[in-house]
Amino acid sequence: PPPPPAKPAARQFVVYFDWDRSDLTAEARSVVTQAANYAKSGAPTRVLIVGYTDTSGSPAYNLGLSNRRSRTVADALVAQGVNGGVIALDGKGETNLAKPTADGVREPLNRRATIDINF
C-alpha cells in the first residue's frame, strides 16, 4: 500500500493586539482564520496559544492581560472549527519580549499571542 500522507509541518502564527486590549483587530482576525484553516488541514495534536504584553502597566496586570489575549484567540479558533480539546493556553505577561525594551514602554511588537500548531 502507498505510504500514509505526510503530516503538515508544525507552524507558528502571530496575532498582534492594540495597546491594553485583548479583542481582535481585523488584521488579527485574518491571522486567526489562517491559523484555523491550517489546523483543520490535518489533525493537530496540540495547539499552544501564548499571550504576551508590552512593558507598560504592572507585571500583575500584564499577566492577566496576556491570559485574556490567549483566551480570545482560543475562543476564535474554536468558533472556526478547531478542536478545543487540543488547545492549551498560557500567558507570559511582559516576559519573553519580541522586541526588548525598558520597563514602561508601549511596543506594538510585544503585544501579541503566538499560535503554535503541531501535528
PDB file of N, CA and C in Angstrom:
ATOM      1  N   PRO A   1       0.835  -1.206   0.000  1.00  0.00           N
ATOM      2  CA  PRO A   1       0.000   0.000   0.000  1.00  0.00           C
ATOM      3  C   PRO A   1       0.870   1.255   0.000  1.00  0.00           C
ATOM      4  N   PRO A   2       0.343   2.347  -0.514  1.00  0.00           N
ATOM      5  CA  PRO A   2       1.136   3.589  -0.517  1.00  0.00           C
ATOM      6  C   PRO A   2       1.339   4.090   0.909  1.00  0.00           C
ATOM      7  N   PRO A   3       2.422   4.816   1.122  1.00  0.00           N
ATOM      8  CA  PRO A   3       2.649   5.355   2.477  1.00  0.00           C
ATOM      9  C   PRO A   3       1.550   6.347   2.834  1.00  0.00           C
ATOM     10  N   PRO A   4       1.288   6.513   4.126  1.00  0.00           N
ATOM     11  CA  PRO A   4       0.265   7.490   4.511  1.00  0.00           C
ATOM     12  C   PRO A   4       0.709   8.896   4.107  1.00  0.00           C
ATOM     13  N   PRO A   5      -0.240   9.783   3.880  1.00  0.00           N
ATOM     14  CA  PRO A   5       0.154  11.151   3.508  1.00  0.00           C
ATOM     15  C   PRO A   5       0.969  11.796   4.628  1.00  0.00           C
ATOM     16  N   ALA A   6       1.889  12.634   4.220  1.00  0.00           N
ATOM     17  CA  ALA A   6       2.733  13.307   5.212  1.00  0.00           C
ATOM     18  C   ALA A   6       1.883  14.243   6.063  1.00  0.00           C
ATOM     19  N   LYS A   7       2.225  14.310   7.335  1.00  0.00           N
ATOM     20  CA  LYS A   7       1.530  15.249   8.221  1.00  0.00           C
ATOM     21  C   LYS A   7       1.978  16.664   7.875  1.00  0.00           C
ATOM     22  N   PRO A   8       1.084  17.647   8.021  1.00  0.00           N
ATOM     23  CA  PRO A   8       1.521  19.029   7.815  1.00  0.00           C
ATOM     24  C   PRO A   8       2.632  19.382   8.818  1.00  0.00           C
ATOM     25  N   ALA A   9       3.498  20.273   8.413  1.00  0.00           N
ATOM     26  CA  ALA A   9       4.589  20.703   9.292  1.00  0.00           C
ATOM     27  C   ALA A   9       4.041  21.568  10.427  1.00  0.00           C
ATOM     28  N   ALA A  10       4.721  21.516  11.567  1.00  0.00           N
ATOM     29  CA  ALA A  10       4.372  22.421  12.668  1.00  0.00           C
ATOM     30  C   ALA A  10       4.554  23.854  12.169  1.00  0.00           C
ATOM     31  N   ARG A  11       3.713  24.739  12.651  1.00  0.00           N
ATOM     32  CA  ARG A  11       3.784  26.126  12.168  1.00  0.00           C
ATOM     33  C   ARG A  11       3.340  27.076  13.270  1.00  0.00           C
ATOM     34  N   GLN A  12       3.928  28.272  13.260  1.00  0.00           N
ATOM     35  CA  GLN A  12       3.543  29.300  14.225  1.00  0.00           C
ATOM     36  C   GLN A  12       2.905  30.480  13.496  1.00  0.00           C
ATOM     37  N   PHE A  13       1.845  30.983  14.106  1.00  0.00           N
ATOM     38  CA  PHE A  13       1.181  32.206  13.655  1.00  0.00           C
ATOM     39  C   PHE A  13       1.279  33.211  14.796  1.00  0.00           C
ATOM     40  N   VAL A  14       1.362  34.501  14.462  1.00  0.00           N
ATOM     41  CA  VAL A  14       1.446  35.538  15.490  1.00  0.00           C
ATOM     42  C   VAL A  14       0.325  36.546  15.269  1.00  0.00           C
ATOM     43  N   VAL A  15      -0.417  36.791  16.340  1.00  0.00           N
ATOM     44  CA  VAL A  15      -1.538  37.731  16.336  1.00  0.00           C
ATOM     45  C   VAL A  15      -1.117  38.941  17.160  1.00  0.00           C
ATOM     46  N   TYR A  16      -1.316  40.147  16.639  1.00  0.00           N
ATOM     47  CA  TYR A  16      -0.949  41.367  17.368  1.00  0.00           C
ATOM     48  C   TYR A  16      -2.199  42.075  17.878  1.00  0.00           C
ATOM     49  N   PHE A  17      -2.039  42.765  19.006  1.00  0.00           N
ATOM     50  CA  PHE A  17      -3.142  43.446  19.675  1.00  0.00           C
ATOM     51  C   PHE A  17      -2.861  44.934  19.814  1.00  0.00           C
ATOM     52  N   ASP A  18      -3.942  45.702  19.920  1.00  0.00           N
ATOM     53  CA  ASP A  18      -3.816  47.118  20.237  1.00  0.00           C
ATOM     54  C   ASP A  18      -3.418  47.265  21.703  1.00  0.00           C
ATOM     55  N   TRP A  19      -2.928  48.446  22.064  1.00  0.00           N
ATOM     56  CA  TRP A  19      -2.469  48.707  23.427  1.00  0.00           C
ATOM     57  C   TRP A  19      -3.602  48.484  24.426  1.00  0.00           C
ATOM     58  N   ASP A  20      -3.294  47.698  25.468  1.00  0.00           N
ATOM     59  CA  ASP A  20      -4.210  47.435  26.579  1.00  0.00           C
ATOM     60  C   ASP A  20      -5.525  46.805  26.118  1.00  0.00           C
ATOM     61  N   ARG A  21      -5.489  46.060  25.034  1.00  0.00           N
ATOM     62  CA  ARG A  21      -6.707  45.427  24.514  1.00  0.00           C
ATOM     63  C   ARG A  21      -6.481  43.928  24.353  1.00  0.00           C
ATOM     64  N   SER A  22      -7.570  43.179  24.473  1.00  0.00           N
ATOM     65  CA  SER A  22      -7.494  41.744  24.208  1.00  0.00           C
ATOM     66  C   SER A  22      -8.473  41.325  23.116  1.00  0.00           C
ATOM     67  N   ASP A  23      -9.172  42.295  22.511  1.00  0.00           N
ATOM     68  CA  ASP A  23     -10.067  41.962  21.407  1.00  0.00           C
ATOM     69  C   ASP A  23      -9.267  41.919  20.104  1.00  0.00           C
ATOM     70  N   LEU A  24      -9.792  41.195  19.130  1.00  0.00           N
ATOM     71  CA  LEU A  24      -9.078  41.003  17.875  1.00  0.00           C
ATOM     72  C   LEU A  24      -9.354  42.143  16.902  1.00  0.00           C
ATOM     73  N   THR A  25      -8.284  42.687  16.331  1.00  0.00           N
ATOM     74  CA  THR A  25      -8.409  43.664  15.252  1.00  0.00           C
ATOM     75  C   THR A  25      -8.782  42.906  13.974  1.00  0.00           C
ATOM     76  N   ALA A  26      -9.114  43.629  12.919  1.00  0.00           N
ATOM     77  CA  ALA A  26      -9.421  42.981  11.635  1.00  0.00           C
ATOM     78  C   ALA A  26      -8.221  42.169  11.156  1.00  0.00           C
ATOM     79  N   GLU A  27      -7.021  42.726  11.304  1.00  0.00           N
ATOM     80  CA  GLU A  27      -5.814  42.010  10.883  1.00  0.00           C
ATOM     81  C   GLU A  27      -5.616  40.757  11.724  1.00  0.00           C
ATOM     82  N   ALA A  28      -5.846  40.864  13.031  1.00  0.00           N
ATOM     83  CA  ALA A  28      -5.693  39.708  13.917  1.00  0.00           C
ATOM     84  C   ALA A  28      -6.699  38.618  13.554  1.00  0.00           C
ATOM     85  N   ARG A  29      -7.930  39.014  13.231  1.00  0.00           N
ATOM     86  CA  ARG A  29      -8.943  38.020  12.839  1.00  0.00           C
ATOM     87  C   ARG A  29      -8.505  37.281  11.578  1.00  0.00           C
ATOM     88  N   SER A  30      -7.868  37.995  10.663  1.00  0.00           N
ATOM     89  CA  SER A  30      -7.369  37.370   9.441  1.00  0.00           C
ATOM     90  C   SER A  30      -6.304  36.318   9.760  1.00  0.00           C
ATOM     91  N   VAL A  31      -5.396  36.633  10.679  1.00  0.00           N
ATOM     92  CA  VAL A  31      -4.351  35.682  11.067  1.00  0.00           C
ATOM     93  C   VAL A  31      -4.974  34.470  11.759  1.00  0.00           C
ATOM     94  N   VAL A  32      -5.956  34.703  12.625  1.00  0.00           N
ATOM     95  CA  VAL A  32      -6.627  33.593  13.308  1.00  0.00           C
ATOM     96  C   VAL A  32      -7.316  32.687  12.280  1.00  0.00           C
ATOM     97  N   THR A  33      -7.924  33.272  11.265  1.00  0.00           N
ATOM     98  CA  THR A  33      -8.568  32.473  10.220  1.00  0.00           C
ATOM     99  C   THR A  33      -7.540  31.627   9.483  1.00  0.00           C
ATOM    100  N   GLN A  34      -6.379  32.216   9.160  1.00  0.00           N
ATOM    101  CA  GLN A  34      -5.308  31.447   8.514  1.00  0.00           C
ATOM    102  C   GLN A  34      -4.874  30.289   9.404  1.00  0.00           C
ATOM    103  N   ALA A  35      -4.713  30.562  10.699  1.00  0.00           N
ATOM    104  CA  ALA A  35      -4.289  29.521  11.638  1.00  0.00           C
ATOM    105  C   ALA A  35      -5.346  28.426  11.742  1.00  0.00           C
ATOM    106  N   ALA A  36      -6.616  28.823  11.808  1.00  0.00           N
ATOM    107  CA  ALA A  36      -7.695  27.833  11.902  1.00  0.00           C
ATOM    108  C   ALA A  36      -7.711  26.947  10.660  1.00  0.00           C
ATOM    109  N   ASN A  37      -7.583  27.548   9.497  1.00  0.00           N
ATOM    110  CA  ASN A  37      -7.579  26.764   8.260  1.00  0.00           C
ATOM    111  C   ASN A  37      -6.397  25.811   8.225  1.00  0.00           C
ATOM    112  N   TYR A  38      -5.239  26.273   8.695  1.00  0.00           N
ATOM    113  CA  TYR A  38      -4.061  25.407   8.717  1.00  0.00           C
ATOM    114  C   TYR A  38      -4.279  24.254   9.688  1.00  0.00           C
ATOM    115  N   ALA A  39      -4.813  24.551  10.863  1.00  0.00           N
ATOM    116  CA  ALA A  39      -5.058  23.499  11.859  1.00  0.00           C
ATOM    117  C   ALA A  39      -6.031  22.461  11.310  1.00  0.00           C
ATOM    118  N   LYS A  40      -7.023  22.921  10.566  1.00  0.00           N
ATOM    119  CA  LYS A  40      -8.031  21.999  10.034  1.00  0.00           C
ATOM    120  C   LYS A  40      -7.534  21.237   8.811  1.00  0.00           C
ATOM    121  N   SER A  41      -6.324  21.558   8.314  1.00  0.00           N
ATOM    122  CA  SER A  41      -5.772  20.851   7.159  1.00  0.00           C
ATOM    123  C   SER A  41      -5.251  19.471   7.547  1.00  0.00           C
ATOM    124  N   GLY A  42      -5.167  19.212   8.843  1.00  0.00           N
ATOM    125  CA  GLY A  42      -4.718  17.918   9.340  1.00  0.00           C
ATOM    126  C   GLY A  42      -5.432  17.640  10.645  1.00  0.00           C
ATOM    127  N   ALA A  43      -4.807  16.831  11.481  1.00  0.00           N
ATOM    128  CA  ALA A  43      -5.381  16.544  12.799  1.00  0.00           C
ATOM    129  C   ALA A  43      -4.359  16.975  13.844  1.00  0.00           C
ATOM    130  N   PRO A  44      -4.385  18.247  14.246  1.00  0.00           N
ATOM    131  CA  PRO A  44      -3.364  18.715  15.186  1.00  0.00           C
ATOM    132  C   PRO A  44      -3.441  17.964  16.512  1.00  0.00           C
ATOM    133  N   THR A  45      -2.273  17.665  17.060  1.00  0.00           N
ATOM    134  CA  THR A  45      -2.209  17.016  18.366  1.00  0.00           C
ATOM    135  C   THR A  45      -2.152  18.051  19.471  1.00  0.00           C
ATOM    136  N   ARG A  46      -1.676  19.250  19.147  1.00  0.00           N
ATOM    137  CA  ARG A  46      -1.608  20.316  20.141  1.00  0.00           C
ATOM    138  C   ARG A  46      -1.583  21.659  19.437  1.00  0.00           C
ATOM    139  N   VAL A  47      -2.372  22.585  19.979  1.00  0.00           N
ATOM    140  CA  VAL A  47      -2.350  23.977  19.536  1.00  0.00           C
ATOM    141  C   VAL A  47      -2.074  24.794  20.795  1.00  0.00           C
ATOM    142  N   LEU A  48      -0.871  25.336  20.881  1.00  0.00           N
ATOM    143  CA  LEU A  48      -0.469  26.113  22.057  1.00  0.00           C
ATOM    144  C   LEU A  48      -0.595  27.592  21.736  1.00  0.00           C
ATOM    145  N   ILE A  49      -1.365  28.286  22.563  1.00  0.00           N
ATOM    146  CA  ILE A  49      -1.555  29.728  22.395  1.00  0.00           C
ATOM    147  C   ILE A  49      -0.962  30.418  23.610  1.00  0.00           C
ATOM    148  N   VAL A  50      -0.009  31.320  23.370  1.00  0.00           N
ATOM    149  CA  VAL A  50       0.655  32.031  24.464  1.00  0.00           C
ATOM    150  C   VAL A  50       0.480  33.528  24.246  1.00  0.00           C
ATOM    151  N   GLY A  51      -0.076  34.197  25.256  1.00  0.00           N
ATOM    152  CA  GLY A  51      -0.273  35.635  25.191  1.00  0.00           C
ATOM    153  C   GLY A  51       0.877  36.380  25.841  1.00  0.00           C
ATOM    154  N   TYR A  52       1.154  37.573  25.323  1.00  0.00           N
ATOM    155  CA  TYR A  52       2.229  38.429  25.825  1.00  0.00           C
ATOM    156  C   TYR A  52       1.750  39.877  25.840  1.00  0.00           C
ATOM    157  N   THR A  53       2.480  40.720  26.565  1.00  0.00           N
ATOM    158  CA  THR A  53       2.186  42.153  26.593  1.00  0.00           C
ATOM    159  C   THR A  53       3.481  42.938  26.414  1.00  0.00           C
ATOM    160  N   ASP A  54       3.321  44.256  26.254  1.00  0.00           N
ATOM    161  CA  ASP A  54       4.498  45.113  26.327  1.00  0.00           C
ATOM    162  C   ASP A  54       4.750  45.439  27.799  1.00  0.00           C
ATOM    163  N   THR A  55       5.689  46.326  28.074  1.00  0.00           N
ATOM    164  CA  THR A  55       6.088  46.573  29.469  1.00  0.00           C
ATOM    165  C   THR A  55       5.349  47.736  30.110  1.00  0.00           C
ATOM    166  N   SER A  56       4.382  48.345  29.399  1.00  0.00           N
ATOM    167  CA  SER A  56       3.587  49.383  30.059  1.00  0.00           C
ATOM    168  C   SER A  56       2.572  48.675  30.949  1.00  0.00           C
ATOM    169  N   GLY A  57       2.335  49.211  32.127  1.00  0.00           N
ATOM    170  CA  GLY A  57       1.447  48.539  33.078  1.00  0.00           C
ATOM    171  C   GLY A  57       2.244  47.686  34.047  1.00  0.00           C
ATOM    172  N   SER A  58       1.604  47.290  35.140  1.00  0.00           N
ATOM    173  CA  SER A  58       2.295  46.496  36.158  1.00  0.00           C
ATOM    174  C   SER A  58       2.438  45.052  35.691  1.00  0.00           C
ATOM    175  N   PRO A  59       3.446  44.341  36.208  1.00  0.00           N
ATOM    176  CA  PRO A  59       3.594  42.929  35.841  1.00  0.00           C
ATOM    177  C   PRO A  59       2.338  42.107  36.134  1.00  0.00           C
ATOM    178  N   ALA A  60       1.681  42.359  37.258  1.00  0.00           N
ATOM    179  CA  ALA A  60       0.482  41.583  37.599  1.00  0.00           C
ATOM    180  C   ALA A  60      -0.649  41.866  36.612  1.00  0.00           C
ATOM    181  N   TYR A  61      -0.849  43.142  36.283  1.00  0.00           N
ATOM    182  CA  TYR A  61      -1.890  43.497  35.311  1.00  0.00           C
ATOM    183  C   TYR A  61      -1.581  42.850  33.962  1.00  0.00           C
ATOM    184  N   ASN A  62      -0.323  42.926  33.550  1.00  0.00           N
ATOM    185  CA  ASN A  62       0.059  42.399  32.249  1.00  0.00           C
ATOM    186  C   ASN A  62      -0.089  40.886  32.172  1.00  0.00           C
ATOM    187  N   LEU A  63       0.129  40.193  33.279  1.00  0.00           N
ATOM    188  CA  LEU A  63      -0.075  38.747  33.276  1.00  0.00           C
ATOM    189  C   LEU A  63      -1.541  38.436  32.980  1.00  0.00           C
ATOM    190  N   GLY A  64      -2.443  39.162  33.636  1.00  0.00           N
ATOM    191  CA  GLY A  64      -3.867  38.967  33.373  1.00  0.00           C
ATOM    192  C   GLY A  64      -4.240  39.293  31.939  1.00  0.00           C
ATOM    193  N   LEU A  65      -3.687  40.395  31.420  1.00  0.00           N
ATOM    194  CA  LEU A  65      -3.965  40.798  30.041  1.00  0.00           C
ATOM    195  C   LEU A  65      -3.457  39.738  29.062  1.00  0.00           C
ATOM    196  N   SER A  66      -2.286  39.193  29.319  1.00  0.00           N
ATOM    197  CA  SER A  66      -1.744  38.172  28.413  1.00  0.00           C
ATOM    198  C   SER A  66      -2.630  36.926  28.420  1.00  0.00           C
ATOM    199  N   ASN A  67      -3.172  36.571  29.580  1.00  0.00           N
ATOM    200  CA  ASN A  67      -4.086  35.428  29.652  1.00  0.00           C
ATOM    201  C   ASN A  67      -5.388  35.709  28.906  1.00  0.00           C
ATOM    202  N   ARG A  68      -5.888  36.941  28.999  1.00  0.00           N
ATOM    203  CA  ARG A  68      -7.099  37.298  28.252  1.00  0.00           C
ATOM    204  C   ARG A  68      -6.844  37.227  26.747  1.00  0.00           C
ATOM    205  N   ARG A  69      -5.666  37.639  26.328  1.00  0.00           N
ATOM    206  CA  ARG A  69      -5.332  37.583  24.902  1.00  0.00           C
ATOM    207  C   ARG A  69      -5.304  36.139  24.402  1.00  0.00           C
ATOM    208  N   SER A  70      -4.683  35.245  25.159  1.00  0.00           N
ATOM    209  CA  SER A  70      -4.637  33.849  24.708  1.00  0.00           C
ATOM    210  C   SER A  70      -6.040  33.249  24.683  1.00  0.00           C
ATOM    211  N   ARG A  71      -6.876  33.588  25.647  1.00  0.00           N
ATOM    212  CA  ARG A  71      -8.255  33.073  25.684  1.00  0.00           C
ATOM    213  C   ARG A  71      -9.060  33.587  24.482  1.00  0.00           C
ATOM    214  N   THR A  72      -8.900  34.861  24.139  1.00  0.00           N
ATOM    215  CA  THR A  72      -9.610  35.425  22.987  1.00  0.00           C
ATOM    216  C   THR A  72      -9.249  34.674  21.710  1.00  0.00           C
ATOM    217  N   VAL A  73      -7.962  34.403  21.530  1.00  0.00           N
ATOM    218  CA  VAL A  73      -7.513  33.687  20.333  1.00  0.00           C
ATOM    219  C   VAL A  73      -8.064  32.263  20.336  1.00  0.00           C
ATOM    220  N   ALA A  74      -8.011  31.598  21.482  1.00  0.00           N
ATOM    221  CA  ALA A  74      -8.532  30.229  21.568  1.00  0.00           C
ATOM    222  C   ALA A  74     -10.014  30.188  21.223  1.00  0.00           C
ATOM    223  N   ASP A  75     -10.780  31.110  21.787  1.00  0.00           N
ATOM    224  CA  ASP A  75     -12.218  31.142  21.514  1.00  0.00           C
ATOM    225  C   ASP A  75     -12.486  31.350  20.024  1.00  0.00           C
ATOM    226  N   ALA A  76     -11.683  32.212  19.388  1.00  0.00           N
ATOM    227  CA  ALA A  76     -11.863  32.475  17.957  1.00  0.00           C
ATOM    228  C   ALA A  76     -11.518  31.239  17.124  1.00  0.00           C
ATOM    229  N   LEU A  77     -10.483  30.509  17.515  1.00  0.00           N
ATOM    230  CA  LEU A  77     -10.123  29.284  16.791  1.00  0.00           C
ATOM    231  C   LEU A  77     -11.225  28.238  16.910  1.00  0.00           C
ATOM    232  N   VAL A  78     -11.748  28.057  18.122  1.00  0.00           N
ATOM    233  CA  VAL A  78     -12.824  27.081  18.334  1.00  0.00           C
ATOM    234  C   VAL A  78     -14.064  27.479  17.532  1.00  0.00           C
ATOM    235  N   ALA A  79     -14.364  28.778  17.498  1.00  0.00           N
ATOM    236  CA  ALA A  79     -15.521  29.254  16.734  1.00  0.00           C
ATOM    237  C   ALA A  79     -15.368  28.946  15.246  1.00  0.00           C
ATOM    238  N   GLN A  80     -14.116  28.791  14.799  1.00  0.00           N
ATOM    239  CA  GLN A  80     -13.862  28.486  13.385  1.00  0.00           C
ATOM    240  C   GLN A  80     -13.638  26.997  13.148  1.00  0.00           C
ATOM    241  N   GLY A  81     -13.952  26.179  14.160  1.00  0.00           N
ATOM    242  CA  GLY A  81     -13.945  24.740  13.946  1.00  0.00           C
ATOM    243  C   GLY A  81     -12.724  23.983  14.415  1.00  0.00           C
ATOM    244  N   VAL A  82     -11.789  24.647  15.088  1.00  0.00           N
ATOM    245  CA  VAL A  82     -10.626  23.936  15.623  1.00  0.00           C
ATOM    246  C   VAL A  82     -11.057  23.199  16.894  1.00  0.00           C
ATOM    247  N   ASN A  83     -10.598  21.976  17.045  1.00  0.00           N
ATOM    248  CA  ASN A  83     -10.932  21.145  18.201  1.00  0.00           C
ATOM    249  C   ASN A  83     -10.378  21.768  19.484  1.00  0.00           C
ATOM    250  N   GLY A  84     -11.274  22.219  20.351  1.00  0.00           N
ATOM    251  CA  GLY A  84     -10.844  22.835  21.603  1.00  0.00           C
ATOM    252  C   GLY A  84     -10.096  21.887  22.518  1.00  0.00           C
ATOM    253  N   GLY A  85     -10.268  20.584  22.322  1.00  0.00           N
ATOM    254  CA  GLY A  85      -9.602  19.600  23.168  1.00  0.00           C
ATOM    255  C   GLY A  85      -8.096  19.546  22.988  1.00  0.00           C
ATOM    256  N   VAL A  86      -7.578  20.091  21.891  1.00  0.00           N
ATOM    257  CA  VAL A  86      -6.126  20.067  21.670  1.00  0.00           C
ATOM    258  C   VAL A  86      -5.486  21.420  21.956  1.00  0.00           C
ATOM    259  N   ILE A  87      -6.298  22.394  22.394  1.00  0.00           N
ATOM    260  CA  ILE A  87      -5.783  23.743  22.639  1.00  0.00           C
ATOM    261  C   ILE A  87      -5.286  23.872  24.071  1.00  0.00           C
ATOM    262  N   ALA A  88      -4.075  24.394  24.218  1.00  0.00           N
ATOM    263  CA  ALA A  88      -3.505  24.706  25.534  1.00  0.00           C
ATOM    264  C   ALA A  88      -3.210  26.201  25.563  1.00  0.00           C
ATOM    265  N   LEU A  89      -3.437  26.820  26.720  1.00  0.00           N
ATOM    266  CA  LEU A  89      -3.261  28.267  26.857  1.00  0.00           C
ATOM    267  C   LEU A  89      -2.176  28.597  27.864  1.00  0.00           C
ATOM    268  N   ASP A  90      -1.501  29.720  27.631  1.00  0.00           N
ATOM    269  CA  ASP A  90      -0.543  30.242  28.596  1.00  0.00           C
ATOM    270  C   ASP A  90      -0.501  31.754  28.426  1.00  0.00           C
ATOM    271  N   GLY A  91      -0.080  32.425  29.467  1.00  0.00           N
ATOM    272  CA  GLY A  91       0.121  33.864  29.420  1.00  0.00           C
ATOM    273  C   GLY A  91       1.450  34.180  30.068  1.00  0.00           C
ATOM    274  N   LYS A  92       2.271  34.943  29.379  1.00  0.00           N
ATOM    275  CA  LYS A  92       3.619  35.251  29.868  1.00  0.00           C
ATOM    276  C   LYS A  92       3.764  36.700  30.317  1.00  0.00           C
ATOM    277  N   GLY A  93       2.684  37.486  30.232  1.00  0.00           N
ATOM    278  CA  GLY A  93       2.784  38.876  30.655  1.00  0.00           C
ATOM    279  C   GLY A  93       3.830  39.621  29.855  1.00  0.00           C
ATOM    280  N   GLU A  94       4.669  40.378  30.590  1.00  0.00           N
ATOM    281  CA  GLU A  94       5.678  41.196  29.910  1.00  0.00           C
ATOM    282  C   GLU A  94       7.033  40.506  29.856  1.00  0.00           C
ATOM    283  N   THR A  95       7.054  39.169  29.910  1.00  0.00           N
ATOM    284  CA  THR A  95       8.303  38.422  29.755  1.00  0.00           C
ATOM    285  C   THR A  95       8.436  37.973  28.301  1.00  0.00           C
ATOM    286  N   ASN A  96       9.608  37.471  27.943  1.00  0.00           N
ATOM    287  CA  ASN A  96       9.859  36.960  26.587  1.00  0.00           C
ATOM    288  C   ASN A  96       9.473  37.986  25.523  1.00  0.00           C
ATOM    289  N   LEU A  97       9.962  39.203  25.681  1.00  0.00           N
ATOM    290  CA  LEU A  97       9.627  40.280  24.746  1.00  0.00           C
ATOM    291  C   LEU A  97      10.135  39.961  23.345  1.00  0.00           C
ATOM    292  N   ALA A  98       9.295  40.194  22.342  1.00  0.00           N
ATOM    293  CA  ALA A  98       9.727  40.026  20.954  1.00  0.00           C
ATOM    294  C   ALA A  98      10.751  41.104  20.604  1.00  0.00           C
ATOM    295  N   LYS A  99      10.538  42.307  21.155  1.00  0.00           N
ATOM    296  CA  LYS A  99      11.464  43.428  20.951  1.00  0.00           C
ATOM    297  C   LYS A  99      11.817  43.963  22.333  1.00  0.00           C
ATOM    298  N   PRO A 100      13.030  43.689  22.816  1.00  0.00           N
ATOM    299  CA  PRO A 100      13.397  44.129  24.172  1.00  0.00           C
ATOM    300  C   PRO A 100      13.268  45.643  24.337  1.00  0.00           C
ATOM    301  N   THR A 101      12.660  46.037  25.452  1.00  0.00           N
ATOM    302  CA  THR A 101      12.501  47.453  25.776  1.00  0.00           C
ATOM    303  C   THR A 101      12.711  47.636  27.270  1.00  0.00           C
ATOM    304  N   ALA A 102      12.843  48.884  27.664  1.00  0.00           N
ATOM    305  CA  ALA A 102      12.865  49.214  29.088  1.00  0.00           C
ATOM    306  C   ALA A 102      11.453  49.043  29.648  1.00  0.00           C
ATOM    307  N   ASP A 103      11.332  49.090  30.973  1.00  0.00           N
ATOM    308  CA  ASP A 103      10.019  48.994  31.598  1.00  0.00           C
ATOM    309  C   ASP A 103       9.197  50.226  31.228  1.00  0.00           C
ATOM    310  N   GLY A 104       7.898  50.047  31.081  1.00  0.00           N
ATOM    311  CA  GLY A 104       7.002  51.166  30.828  1.00  0.00           C
ATOM    312  C   GLY A 104       6.903  51.594  29.379  1.00  0.00           C
ATOM    313  N   VAL A 105       7.411  50.780  28.452  1.00  0.00           N
ATOM    314  CA  VAL A 105       7.421  51.157  27.035  1.00  0.00           C
ATOM    315  C   VAL A 105       6.267  50.475  26.296  1.00  0.00           C
ATOM    316  N   ARG A 106       5.517  51.278  25.543  1.00  0.00           N
ATOM    317  CA  ARG A 106       4.457  50.733  24.690  1.00  0.00           C
ATOM    318  C   ARG A 106       5.093  50.274  23.375  1.00  0.00           C
ATOM    319  N   GLU A 107       5.188  48.977  23.184  1.00  0.00           N
ATOM    320  CA  GLU A 107       5.828  48.425  21.982  1.00  0.00           C
ATOM    321  C   GLU A 107       4.856  47.470  21.279  1.00  0.00           C
ATOM    322  N   PRO A 108       4.368  47.867  20.089  1.00  0.00           N
ATOM    323  CA  PRO A 108       3.378  47.036  19.395  1.00  0.00           C
ATOM    324  C   PRO A 108       3.821  45.597  19.133  1.00  0.00           C
ATOM    325  N   LEU A 109       5.106  45.369  18.863  1.00  0.00           N
ATOM    326  CA  LEU A 109       5.555  44.007  18.555  1.00  0.00           C
ATOM    327  C   LEU A 109       5.471  43.079  19.764  1.00  0.00           C
ATOM    328  N   ASN A 110       5.419  43.652  20.967  1.00  0.00           N
ATOM    329  CA  ASN A 110       5.339  42.828  22.175  1.00  0.00           C
ATOM    330  C   ASN A 110       3.901  42.504  22.572  1.00  0.00           C
ATOM    331  N   ARG A 111       2.949  43.183  21.984  1.00  0.00           N
ATOM    332  CA  ARG A 111       1.527  42.957  22.297  1.00  0.00           C
ATOM    333  C   ARG A 111       0.997  41.897  21.344  1.00  0.00           C
ATOM    334  N   ARG A 112       1.176  40.635  21.732  1.00  0.00           N
ATOM    335  CA  ARG A 112       0.913  39.566  20.777  1.00  0.00           C
ATOM    336  C   ARG A 112       0.450  38.287  21.462  1.00  0.00           C
ATOM    337  N   ALA A 113      -0.004  37.373  20.643  1.00  0.00           N
ATOM    338  CA  ALA A 113      -0.227  35.996  21.061  1.00  0.00           C
ATOM    339  C   ALA A 113       0.337  35.118  19.951  1.00  0.00           C
ATOM    340  N   THR A 114       1.039  34.073  20.339  1.00  0.00           N
ATOM    341  CA  THR A 114       1.550  33.120  19.362  1.00  0.00           C
ATOM    342  C   THR A 114       0.629  31.907  19.339  1.00  0.00           C
ATOM    343  N   ILE A 115       0.472  31.341  18.163  1.00  0.00           N
ATOM    344  CA  ILE A 115      -0.324  30.129  17.970  1.00  0.00           C
ATOM    345  C   ILE A 115       0.617  29.095  17.370  1.00  0.00           C
ATOM    346  N   ASP A 116       0.984  28.087  18.150  1.00  0.00           N
ATOM    347  CA  ASP A 116       1.854  27.018  17.655  1.00  0.00           C
ATOM    348  C   ASP A 116       1.003  25.789  17.385  1.00  0.00           C
ATOM    349  N   ILE A 117       0.970  25.363  16.129  1.00  0.00           N
ATOM    350  CA  ILE A 117       0.156  24.218  15.722  1.00  0.00           C
ATOM    351  C   ILE A 117       1.089  23.048  15.440  1.00  0.00           C
ATOM    352  N   ASN A 118       0.871  21.955  16.160  1.00  0.00           N
ATOM    353  CA  ASN A 118       1.686  20.749  15.999  1.00  0.00           C
ATOM    354  C   ASN A 118       0.800  19.577  15.595  1.00  0.00           C
ATOM    355  N   PHE A 119       1.307  18.777  14.655  1.00  0.00           N
ATOM    356  CA  PHE A 119       0.557  17.625  14.155  1.00  0.00           C
ATOM    357  C   PHE A 119       1.226  16.328  14.577  1.00  0.00           C
TER     358      PHE A 119
END
